[in-house]
Amino acid sequence: MSIMSVCVLIKPEKQMQPVCLSSAYNFC
């Protein structure tokens, strides 16, 4: 779940948002 953490760091307001990098979002 390391990738998930990266997404959270990018957008702490919403853990799961398409705002994450394309690559990271794919894994999310």
C-alpha atoms as a PDB file:
ATOM      1  CA  MET A   1       0.000   0.000   0.000  1.00  0.00           C
ATOM      2  CA  SER A   2       3.001   2.265  -0.441  1.00  0.00           C
ATOM      3  CA  ILE A   3       1.495   3.689  -3.634  1.00  0.00           C
ATOM      4  CA  MET A   4      -1.653   4.562  -1.691  1.00  0.00           C
ATOM      5  CA  SER A   5       0.410   6.585   0.772  1.00  0.00           C
ATOM      6  CA  VAL A   6       1.909   8.531  -2.128  1.00  0.00           C
ATOM      7  CA  CYS A   7      -1.571   9.460  -3.312  1.00  0.00           C
ATOM      8  CA  VAL A   8      -2.477  10.635   0.180  1.00  0.00           C
ATOM      9  CA  LEU A   9       0.656  12.791   0.300  1.00  0.00           C
ATOM     10  CA  ILE A  10      -0.250  14.365  -3.033  1.00  0.00           C
ATOM     11  CA  LYS A  11      -3.817  15.140  -1.951  1.00  0.00           C
ATOM     12  CA  PRO A  12      -4.295  14.739   1.817  1.00  0.00           C
ATOM     13  CA  GLU A  13      -7.723  16.322   1.495  1.00  0.00           C
ATOM     14  CA  LYS A  14      -8.996  13.325  -0.501  1.00  0.00           C
ATOM     15  CA  GLN A  15      -7.030  10.098  -0.196  1.00  0.00           C
ATOM     16  CA  MET A  16      -8.434   8.636  -3.412  1.00  0.00           C
ATOM     17  CA  GLN A  17      -8.664  11.298  -6.092  1.00  0.00           C
ATOM     18  CA  PRO A  18      -7.767  11.327  -9.809  1.00  0.00           C
ATOM     19  CA  VAL A  19      -5.506  14.277  -8.962  1.00  0.00           C
ATOM     20  CA  CYS A  20      -2.797  11.712  -8.195  1.00  0.00           C
ATOM     21  CA  LEU A  21      -0.155  11.158 -10.878  1.00  0.00           C
ATOM     22  CA  SER A  22      -1.392   8.990 -13.749  1.00  0.00           C
ATOM     23  CA  SER A  23       1.025   6.215 -12.793  1.00  0.00           C
ATOM     24  CA  ALA A  24       0.210   6.384  -9.084  1.00  0.00           C
ATOM     25  CA  TYR A  25      -3.521   6.611  -9.793  1.00  0.00           C
ATOM     26  CA  ASN A  26      -3.314   3.476 -11.923  1.00  0.00           C
ATOM     27  CA  PHE A  27      -1.929   1.552  -8.959  1.00  0.00           C
ATOM     28  CA  CYS A  28      -4.416   3.137  -6.620  1.00  0.00           C
END
